[in-house]
Amino acid sequence: MAGRQLRAVLFDLGETLLDVGGATPDYATQSQRDLREVYDYVRECGHPVPPWEVFHNALAGLLFSQWRARQREGRALDVAAVLREGIGALGLALSPDELTECLRRHYRSSDESAMLHPDALPTLRELRAAGWTLGLISNSIWPATCHDETLARLGIRDLFAVRLYSADAGYQKPHPAIFQQALAALQVSPAEAVYVGDRLDADVAGAHAVGMRGILRVVPYRVEANAEIIPDARIETLAELPALLARWSATGGGMP
């Protein structure tokens, strides 16, 4: 990739820019919490909801079955569509506005708990000031309408020229399509872009598959077992990025 000037840096979101608390998430507990938010809202609206166990088992079962089916093809899950289908299958006739609020309630706890790594905002601002174009690619069951509100609250939304979430893209990392969509939106070639993420398989391997450089943000509590996936660089903090990218740029896009 030497000879092509680097222009863009794209980031993962969870545990790369966002601090998720230093532990592997308990997805079953989170799912139950989020579906309970939806259930309580639908009941507040006066709809004839079934018992909680019936509602939860129906929605959780649909979420899991659709997630598993999409995983095999690298397709992405859109929780808004699943909520709409599952609630309808239970015979509940919600208005479009109520379904939109169901999505917001499902996402609310994740929004309220989201916080940046301390060096995220200063690093992003430094990169922008140095002339880098910034982008975001994140695997998420929630669409941009949810995440963008969180990023705005955290003060980083408008630093990104492109923000792409798998729920909107239709594919999830490491599928090439989601990287290619982001690159096309930024109007940069793979050789002109770098991707920063905390997963060897989804982030580094996904970036490499389309010709991008991949930087691994090392997460102390996680052991990455994919020894065959070699990142172009490893960083422990985001604050290391500006100097690393400056060194690469000084060699005309190649690595010293």
C-alpha atoms as a PDB file:
ATOM      1  CA  MET A   1       0.000   0.000   0.000  1.00  0.00           C
ATOM      2  CA  ALA A   2       3.023   2.260  -0.128  1.00  0.00           C
ATOM      3  CA  GLY A   3       2.638   5.190  -2.479  1.00  0.00           C
ATOM      4  CA  ARG A   4      -1.012   5.869  -1.626  1.00  0.00           C
ATOM      5  CA  GLN A   5      -1.470   8.765   0.772  1.00  0.00           C
ATOM      6  CA  LEU A   6      -3.597   7.878   3.759  1.00  0.00           C
ATOM      7  CA  ARG A   7      -6.615  10.148   4.095  1.00  0.00           C
ATOM      8  CA  ALA A   8      -9.248   8.528   6.287  1.00  0.00           C
ATOM      9  CA  VAL A   9      -9.508   6.815   9.663  1.00  0.00           C
ATOM     10  CA  LEU A  10     -12.581   4.727  10.442  1.00  0.00           C
ATOM     11  CA  PHE A  11     -13.485   3.459  13.900  1.00  0.00           C
ATOM     12  CA  ASP A  12     -15.438   0.744  15.607  1.00  0.00           C
ATOM     13  CA  LEU A  13     -17.716   1.999  18.383  1.00  0.00           C
ATOM     14  CA  GLY A  14     -18.129  -0.332  21.371  1.00  0.00           C
ATOM     15  CA  GLU A  15     -14.920  -0.802  23.391  1.00  0.00           C
ATOM     16  CA  THR A  16     -12.966   1.163  20.795  1.00  0.00           C
ATOM     17  CA  LEU A  17     -14.475   4.604  21.365  1.00  0.00           C
ATOM     18  CA  LEU A  18     -17.033   3.680  24.008  1.00  0.00           C
ATOM     19  CA  ASP A  19     -16.087   2.252  27.389  1.00  0.00           C
ATOM     20  CA  VAL A  20     -18.398  -0.711  27.985  1.00  0.00           C
ATOM     21  CA  GLY A  21     -17.301  -1.291  31.554  1.00  0.00           C
ATOM     22  CA  GLY A  22     -14.304  -3.578  31.285  1.00  0.00           C
ATOM     23  CA  ALA A  23     -16.121  -6.899  31.073  1.00  0.00           C
ATOM     24  CA  THR A  24     -17.800  -9.147  28.532  1.00  0.00           C
ATOM     25  CA  PRO A  25     -21.448  -8.056  28.320  1.00  0.00           C
ATOM     26  CA  ASP A  26     -24.192 -10.351  29.637  1.00  0.00           C
ATOM     27  CA  TYR A  27     -26.338 -10.291  26.510  1.00  0.00           C
ATOM     28  CA  ALA A  28     -29.175 -12.390  27.960  1.00  0.00           C
ATOM     29  CA  THR A  29     -29.622 -10.022  30.899  1.00  0.00           C
ATOM     30  CA  GLN A  30     -29.388  -6.974  28.642  1.00  0.00           C
ATOM     31  CA  SER A  31     -31.974  -8.404  26.245  1.00  0.00           C
ATOM     32  CA  GLN A  32     -34.407  -9.089  29.079  1.00  0.00           C
ATOM     33  CA  ARG A  33     -33.891  -5.568  30.438  1.00  0.00           C
ATOM     34  CA  ASP A  34     -34.482  -3.957  27.035  1.00  0.00           C
ATOM     35  CA  LEU A  35     -37.562  -6.035  26.217  1.00  0.00           C
ATOM     36  CA  ARG A  36     -39.011  -5.178  29.629  1.00  0.00           C
ATOM     37  CA  GLU A  37     -38.743  -1.493  28.693  1.00  0.00           C
ATOM     38  CA  VAL A  38     -40.766  -2.218  25.553  1.00  0.00           C
ATOM     39  CA  TYR A  39     -43.332  -4.303  27.430  1.00  0.00           C
ATOM     40  CA  ASP A  40     -43.920  -1.642  30.070  1.00  0.00           C
ATOM     41  CA  TYR A  41     -44.373   1.033  27.411  1.00  0.00           C
ATOM     42  CA  VAL A  42     -46.891  -1.033  25.399  1.00  0.00           C
ATOM     43  CA  ARG A  43     -48.853  -1.708  28.572  1.00  0.00           C
ATOM     44  CA  GLU A  44     -48.770   2.008  29.476  1.00  0.00           C
ATOM     45  CA  CYS A  45     -50.315   2.761  26.088  1.00  0.00           C
ATOM     46  CA  GLY A  46     -53.348   0.678  27.059  1.00  0.00           C
ATOM     47  CA  HIS A  47     -52.839  -2.220  24.670  1.00  0.00           C
ATOM     48  CA  PRO A  48     -54.054  -5.674  25.804  1.00  0.00           C
ATOM     49  CA  VAL A  49     -50.613  -7.137  26.448  1.00  0.00           C
ATOM     50  CA  PRO A  50     -50.190 -10.819  27.322  1.00  0.00           C
ATOM     51  CA  PRO A  51     -48.351 -11.806  30.517  1.00  0.00           C
ATOM     52  CA  TRP A  52     -44.701 -10.695  30.622  1.00  0.00           C
ATOM     53  CA  GLU A  53     -43.381 -14.240  30.217  1.00  0.00           C
ATOM     54  CA  VAL A  54     -45.394 -14.742  27.028  1.00  0.00           C
ATOM     55  CA  PHE A  55     -44.300 -11.377  25.613  1.00  0.00           C
ATOM     56  CA  HIS A  56     -40.649 -11.914  26.531  1.00  0.00           C
ATOM     57  CA  ASN A  57     -40.424 -15.467  25.209  1.00  0.00           C
ATOM     58  CA  ALA A  58     -42.027 -14.490  21.901  1.00  0.00           C
ATOM     59  CA  LEU A  59     -39.814 -11.447  21.287  1.00  0.00           C
ATOM     60  CA  ALA A  60     -36.605 -12.970  22.672  1.00  0.00           C
ATOM     61  CA  GLY A  61     -37.135 -16.135  20.641  1.00  0.00           C
ATOM     62  CA  LEU A  62     -37.686 -14.134  17.455  1.00  0.00           C
ATOM     63  CA  LEU A  63     -34.632 -11.968  18.100  1.00  0.00           C
ATOM     64  CA  PHE A  64     -32.416 -14.990  18.688  1.00  0.00           C
ATOM     65  CA  SER A  65     -33.682 -17.008  15.718  1.00  0.00           C
ATOM     66  CA  GLN A  66     -33.303 -14.104  13.312  1.00  0.00           C
ATOM     67  CA  TRP A  67     -29.864 -13.210  14.684  1.00  0.00           C
ATOM     68  CA  ARG A  68     -28.664 -16.803  14.284  1.00  0.00           C
ATOM     69  CA  ALA A  69     -29.988 -17.029  10.720  1.00  0.00           C
ATOM     70  CA  ARG A  70     -28.306 -13.793   9.698  1.00  0.00           C
ATOM     71  CA  GLN A  71     -24.989 -14.708  11.344  1.00  0.00           C
ATOM     72  CA  ARG A  72     -24.471 -17.522   8.861  1.00  0.00           C
ATOM     73  CA  GLU A  73     -24.550 -15.075   5.942  1.00  0.00           C
ATOM     74  CA  GLY A  74     -22.911 -12.041   7.527  1.00  0.00           C
ATOM     75  CA  ARG A  75     -26.263 -10.283   7.389  1.00  0.00           C
ATOM     76  CA  ALA A  76     -27.249  -7.780  10.058  1.00  0.00           C
ATOM     77  CA  LEU A  77     -30.156  -7.791  12.471  1.00  0.00           C
ATOM     78  CA  ASP A  78     -32.422  -4.726  12.606  1.00  0.00           C
ATOM     79  CA  VAL A  79     -34.171  -4.773  15.965  1.00  0.00           C
ATOM     80  CA  ALA A  80     -36.789  -2.274  14.780  1.00  0.00           C
ATOM     81  CA  ALA A  81     -38.038  -4.778  12.194  1.00  0.00           C
ATOM     82  CA  VAL A  82     -37.979  -7.618  14.716  1.00  0.00           C
ATOM     83  CA  LEU A  83     -39.969  -5.623  17.269  1.00  0.00           C
ATOM     84  CA  ARG A  84     -42.509  -4.692  14.618  1.00  0.00           C
ATOM     85  CA  GLU A  85     -42.897  -8.322  13.512  1.00  0.00           C
ATOM     86  CA  GLY A  86     -42.986  -9.796  17.003  1.00  0.00           C
ATOM     87  CA  ILE A  87     -45.442  -7.279  18.426  1.00  0.00           C
ATOM     88  CA  GLY A  88     -47.697  -7.751  15.417  1.00  0.00           C
ATOM     89  CA  ALA A  89     -47.573 -11.541  15.802  1.00  0.00           C
ATOM     90  CA  LEU A  90     -48.868 -11.123  19.352  1.00  0.00           C
ATOM     91  CA  GLY A  91     -51.953  -9.386  17.944  1.00  0.00           C
ATOM     92  CA  LEU A  92     -51.012  -5.939  19.205  1.00  0.00           C
ATOM     93  CA  ALA A  93     -51.920  -3.133  16.795  1.00  0.00           C
ATOM     94  CA  LEU A  94     -49.483  -0.303  17.518  1.00  0.00           C
ATOM     95  CA  SER A  95     -49.318   2.942  15.572  1.00  0.00           C
ATOM     96  CA  PRO A  96     -46.130   3.883  13.678  1.00  0.00           C
ATOM     97  CA  ASP A  97     -45.322   6.445  16.378  1.00  0.00           C
ATOM     98  CA  GLU A  98     -45.766   3.838  19.103  1.00  0.00           C
ATOM     99  CA  LEU A  99     -43.484   1.403  17.275  1.00  0.00           C
ATOM    100  CA  THR A 100     -40.869   4.138  16.966  1.00  0.00           C
ATOM    101  CA  GLU A 101     -41.104   4.713  20.706  1.00  0.00           C
ATOM    102  CA  CYS A 102     -40.763   0.962  21.311  1.00  0.00           C
ATOM    103  CA  LEU A 103     -37.425   1.116  19.508  1.00  0.00           C
ATOM    104  CA  ARG A 104     -36.327   4.091  21.607  1.00  0.00           C
ATOM    105  CA  ARG A 105     -37.338   2.313  24.820  1.00  0.00           C
ATOM    106  CA  HIS A 106     -35.462  -0.825  23.746  1.00  0.00           C
ATOM    107  CA  TYR A 107     -32.326   1.264  23.212  1.00  0.00           C
ATOM    108  CA  ARG A 108     -32.742   3.592  26.207  1.00  0.00           C
ATOM    109  CA  SER A 109     -30.612   1.728  28.759  1.00  0.00           C
ATOM    110  CA  SER A 110     -27.734   1.406  26.292  1.00  0.00           C
ATOM    111  CA  ASP A 111     -27.930   5.134  25.607  1.00  0.00           C
ATOM    112  CA  GLU A 112     -27.981   6.064  29.290  1.00  0.00           C
ATOM    113  CA  SER A 113     -24.967   3.877  30.099  1.00  0.00           C
ATOM    114  CA  ALA A 114     -22.819   4.928  27.110  1.00  0.00           C
ATOM    115  CA  MET A 115     -19.616   6.768  27.939  1.00  0.00           C
ATOM    116  CA  LEU A 116     -16.455   7.544  26.009  1.00  0.00           C
ATOM    117  CA  HIS A 117     -12.980   6.345  26.802  1.00  0.00           C
ATOM    118  CA  PRO A 118     -11.286   9.425  28.294  1.00  0.00           C
ATOM    119  CA  ASP A 119      -8.931   9.876  25.326  1.00  0.00           C
ATOM    120  CA  ALA A 120     -11.582   9.387  22.622  1.00  0.00           C
ATOM    121  CA  LEU A 121     -12.792  12.949  22.164  1.00  0.00           C
ATOM    122  CA  PRO A 122      -9.321  14.581  22.343  1.00  0.00           C
ATOM    123  CA  THR A 123      -7.951  12.040  19.860  1.00  0.00           C
ATOM    124  CA  LEU A 124     -10.793  12.510  17.386  1.00  0.00           C
ATOM    125  CA  ARG A 125     -10.428  16.285  17.568  1.00  0.00           C
ATOM    126  CA  GLU A 126      -6.672  16.054  17.073  1.00  0.00           C
ATOM    127  CA  LEU A 127      -7.095  13.831  14.026  1.00  0.00           C
ATOM    128  CA  ARG A 128      -9.681  16.157  12.508  1.00  0.00           C
ATOM    129  CA  ALA A 129      -7.423  19.156  13.115  1.00  0.00           C
ATOM    130  CA  ALA A 130      -4.599  17.305  11.371  1.00  0.00           C
ATOM    131  CA  GLY A 131      -6.757  16.904   8.260  1.00  0.00           C
ATOM    132  CA  TRP A 132      -7.929  13.304   8.602  1.00  0.00           C
ATOM    133  CA  THR A 133     -11.400  12.358   7.401  1.00  0.00           C
ATOM    134  CA  LEU A 134     -13.152  10.310  10.079  1.00  0.00           C
ATOM    135  CA  GLY A 135     -15.738   7.583   9.748  1.00  0.00           C
ATOM    136  CA  LEU A 136     -17.546   5.078  11.935  1.00  0.00           C
ATOM    137  CA  ILE A 137     -18.542   1.460  11.203  1.00  0.00           C
ATOM    138  CA  SER A 138     -20.299  -0.403  14.000  1.00  0.00           C
ATOM    139  CA  ASN A 139     -22.059  -3.726  14.332  1.00  0.00           C
ATOM    140  CA  SER A 140     -25.316  -2.934  16.076  1.00  0.00           C
ATOM    141  CA  ILE A 141     -28.902  -4.133  16.151  1.00  0.00           C
ATOM    142  CA  TRP A 142     -29.995  -0.493  16.524  1.00  0.00           C
ATOM    143  CA  PRO A 143     -30.077   1.993  13.618  1.00  0.00           C
ATOM    144  CA  ALA A 144     -28.525   5.428  13.240  1.00  0.00           C
ATOM    145  CA  THR A 145     -31.648   7.131  14.579  1.00  0.00           C
ATOM    146  CA  CYS A 146     -30.753   5.664  17.985  1.00  0.00           C
ATOM    147  CA  HIS A 147     -26.971   5.813  18.011  1.00  0.00           C
ATOM    148  CA  ASP A 148     -26.646   9.289  16.540  1.00  0.00           C
ATOM    149  CA  GLU A 149     -28.502  10.773  19.492  1.00  0.00           C
ATOM    150  CA  THR A 150     -26.018   9.121  21.845  1.00  0.00           C
ATOM    151  CA  LEU A 151     -23.030  10.338  19.830  1.00  0.00           C
ATOM    152  CA  ALA A 152     -24.461  13.858  19.807  1.00  0.00           C
ATOM    153  CA  ARG A 153     -24.840  13.770  23.598  1.00  0.00           C
ATOM    154  CA  LEU A 154     -21.231  12.607  23.896  1.00  0.00           C
ATOM    155  CA  GLY A 155     -20.044  15.372  21.564  1.00  0.00           C
ATOM    156  CA  ILE A 156     -18.591  13.225  18.769  1.00  0.00           C
ATOM    157  CA  ARG A 157     -21.354  12.767  16.196  1.00  0.00           C
ATOM    158  CA  ASP A 158     -20.394  15.633  13.933  1.00  0.00           C
ATOM    159  CA  LEU A 159     -16.722  14.679  13.912  1.00  0.00           C
ATOM    160  CA  PHE A 160     -17.548  11.766  11.592  1.00  0.00           C
ATOM    161  CA  ALA A 161     -18.176  12.343   7.901  1.00  0.00           C
ATOM    162  CA  VAL A 162     -19.863   8.914   7.732  1.00  0.00           C
ATOM    163  CA  ARG A 163     -21.544   6.885  10.464  1.00  0.00           C
ATOM    164  CA  LEU A 164     -22.614   3.415   9.349  1.00  0.00           C
ATOM    165  CA  TYR A 165     -24.355   0.860  11.543  1.00  0.00           C
ATOM    166  CA  SER A 166     -24.958  -2.724  10.482  1.00  0.00           C
ATOM    167  CA  ALA A 167     -28.695  -2.459  11.198  1.00  0.00           C
ATOM    168  CA  ASP A 168     -28.878   0.135   8.407  1.00  0.00           C
ATOM    169  CA  ALA A 169     -26.195  -1.333   6.135  1.00  0.00           C
ATOM    170  CA  GLY A 170     -27.767  -4.791   5.988  1.00  0.00           C
ATOM    171  CA  TYR A 171     -24.424  -6.492   6.624  1.00  0.00           C
ATOM    172  CA  GLN A 172     -22.205  -6.753   9.662  1.00  0.00           C
ATOM    173  CA  LYS A 173     -18.443  -6.817  10.068  1.00  0.00           C
ATOM    174  CA  PRO A 174     -16.390  -8.632   8.858  1.00  0.00           C
ATOM    175  CA  HIS A 175     -18.546  -8.813   5.692  1.00  0.00           C
ATOM    176  CA  PRO A 176     -16.854  -6.725   2.976  1.00  0.00           C
ATOM    177  CA  ALA A 177     -20.084  -4.951   2.044  1.00  0.00           C
ATOM    178  CA  ILE A 178     -20.273  -2.792   5.169  1.00  0.00           C
ATOM    179  CA  PHE A 179     -16.665  -1.602   4.742  1.00  0.00           C
ATOM    180  CA  GLN A 180     -17.234  -0.958   1.043  1.00  0.00           C
ATOM    181  CA  GLN A 181     -20.371   1.084   1.742  1.00  0.00           C
ATOM    182  CA  ALA A 182     -18.474   3.293   4.180  1.00  0.00           C
ATOM    183  CA  LEU A 183     -15.528   3.779   1.821  1.00  0.00           C
ATOM    184  CA  ALA A 184     -17.856   4.678  -1.042  1.00  0.00           C
ATOM    185  CA  ALA A 185     -19.654   7.224   1.132  1.00  0.00           C
ATOM    186  CA  LEU A 186     -16.311   8.776   2.114  1.00  0.00           C
ATOM    187  CA  GLN A 187     -15.097   8.631  -1.504  1.00  0.00           C
ATOM    188  CA  VAL A 188     -11.782   7.070  -0.527  1.00  0.00           C
ATOM    189  CA  SER A 189     -10.085   3.904  -1.738  1.00  0.00           C
ATOM    190  CA  PRO A 190      -9.231   1.066   0.662  1.00  0.00           C
ATOM    191  CA  ALA A 191      -5.521   1.885   0.341  1.00  0.00           C
ATOM    192  CA  GLU A 192      -6.243   5.419   1.570  1.00  0.00           C
ATOM    193  CA  ALA A 193      -8.061   4.289   4.721  1.00  0.00           C
ATOM    194  CA  VAL A 194      -7.266   2.781   8.107  1.00  0.00           C
ATOM    195  CA  TYR A 195      -9.701   0.954  10.382  1.00  0.00           C
ATOM    196  CA  VAL A 196      -9.385   0.905  14.180  1.00  0.00           C
ATOM    197  CA  GLY A 197     -11.224  -1.709  16.224  1.00  0.00           C
ATOM    198  CA  ASP A 198     -10.938  -4.004  19.217  1.00  0.00           C
ATOM    199  CA  ARG A 199     -11.599  -7.342  17.456  1.00  0.00           C
ATOM    200  CA  LEU A 200      -9.156  -9.253  15.293  1.00  0.00           C
ATOM    201  CA  ASP A 201     -11.852 -11.204  13.435  1.00  0.00           C
ATOM    202  CA  ALA A 202     -14.520  -8.557  12.855  1.00  0.00           C
ATOM    203  CA  ASP A 203     -12.338  -5.457  12.661  1.00  0.00           C
ATOM    204  CA  VAL A 204      -8.797  -6.250  11.523  1.00  0.00           C
ATOM    205  CA  ALA A 205      -9.641  -9.204   9.270  1.00  0.00           C
ATOM    206  CA  GLY A 206     -12.666  -7.369   7.876  1.00  0.00           C
ATOM    207  CA  ALA A 207     -10.567  -4.329   7.014  1.00  0.00           C
ATOM    208  CA  HIS A 208      -7.813  -6.452   5.464  1.00  0.00           C
ATOM    209  CA  ALA A 209     -10.321  -8.316   3.304  1.00  0.00           C
ATOM    210  CA  VAL A 210     -11.170  -5.114   1.415  1.00  0.00           C
ATOM    211  CA  GLY A 211      -7.601  -3.782   1.266  1.00  0.00           C
ATOM    212  CA  MET A 212      -7.671  -1.444   4.269  1.00  0.00           C
ATOM    213  CA  ARG A 213      -5.066  -1.304   6.989  1.00  0.00           C
ATOM    214  CA  GLY A 214      -6.288  -2.613  10.357  1.00  0.00           C
ATOM    215  CA  ILE A 215      -5.227  -1.363  13.783  1.00  0.00           C
ATOM    216  CA  LEU A 216      -6.144  -3.364  16.880  1.00  0.00           C
ATOM    217  CA  ARG A 217      -7.048  -1.467  20.032  1.00  0.00           C
ATOM    218  CA  VAL A 218      -5.971  -3.967  22.672  1.00  0.00           C
ATOM    219  CA  VAL A 219      -8.592  -4.704  25.343  1.00  0.00           C
ATOM    220  CA  PRO A 220      -6.837  -5.856  28.532  1.00  0.00           C
ATOM    221  CA  TYR A 221      -9.525  -8.263  29.719  1.00  0.00           C
ATOM    222  CA  ARG A 222      -9.879 -10.087  26.379  1.00  0.00           C
ATOM    223  CA  VAL A 223      -7.624 -12.798  24.971  1.00  0.00           C
ATOM    224  CA  GLU A 224      -7.607 -12.719  21.169  1.00  0.00           C
ATOM    225  CA  ALA A 225      -7.004 -16.291  19.964  1.00  0.00           C
ATOM    226  CA  ASN A 226      -6.816 -15.621  16.207  1.00  0.00           C
ATOM    227  CA  ALA A 227      -3.047 -15.823  15.869  1.00  0.00           C
ATOM    228  CA  GLU A 228      -3.272 -15.964  12.083  1.00  0.00           C
ATOM    229  CA  ILE A 229      -4.784 -12.455  11.943  1.00  0.00           C
ATOM    230  CA  ILE A 230      -1.925  -9.949  12.186  1.00  0.00           C
ATOM    231  CA  PRO A 231      -2.899  -6.284  12.655  1.00  0.00           C
ATOM    232  CA  ASP A 232      -0.796  -3.597  11.013  1.00  0.00           C
ATOM    233  CA  ALA A 233      -0.371  -2.080  14.464  1.00  0.00           C
ATOM    234  CA  ARG A 234      -1.558  -2.545  18.028  1.00  0.00           C
ATOM    235  CA  ILE A 235      -2.423   0.310  20.365  1.00  0.00           C
ATOM    236  CA  GLU A 236      -3.439   0.288  24.000  1.00  0.00           C
ATOM    237  CA  THR A 237      -4.895   3.801  24.006  1.00  0.00           C
ATOM    238  CA  LEU A 238      -6.480   5.980  21.359  1.00  0.00           C
ATOM    239  CA  ALA A 239      -4.029   8.717  22.247  1.00  0.00           C
ATOM    240  CA  GLU A 240      -1.345   6.684  20.451  1.00  0.00           C
ATOM    241  CA  LEU A 241      -3.116   7.047  17.101  1.00  0.00           C
ATOM    242  CA  PRO A 242      -2.105  10.548  15.911  1.00  0.00           C
ATOM    243  CA  ALA A 243       1.626   9.842  16.194  1.00  0.00           C
ATOM    244  CA  LEU A 244       1.267   6.408  14.586  1.00  0.00           C
ATOM    245  CA  LEU A 245      -0.680   7.793  11.638  1.00  0.00           C
ATOM    246  CA  ALA A 246       1.747  10.689  11.274  1.00  0.00           C
ATOM    247  CA  ARG A 247       4.618   8.207  10.973  1.00  0.00           C
ATOM    248  CA  TRP A 248       2.788   6.210   8.342  1.00  0.00           C
ATOM    249  CA  SER A 249       1.887   9.372   6.411  1.00  0.00           C
ATOM    250  CA  ALA A 250       5.518  10.527   6.497  1.00  0.00           C
ATOM    251  CA  THR A 251       6.456   7.417   4.506  1.00  0.00           C
ATOM    252  CA  GLY A 252       3.940   8.210   1.771  1.00  0.00           C
ATOM    253  CA  GLY A 253       1.320   5.815   3.107  1.00  0.00           C
ATOM    254  CA  GLY A 254       3.726   2.955   3.687  1.00  0.00           C
ATOM    255  CA  MET A 255       4.863   1.610   7.016  1.00  0.00           C
ATOM    256  CA  PRO A 256       8.394   2.442   8.146  1.00  0.00           C
END
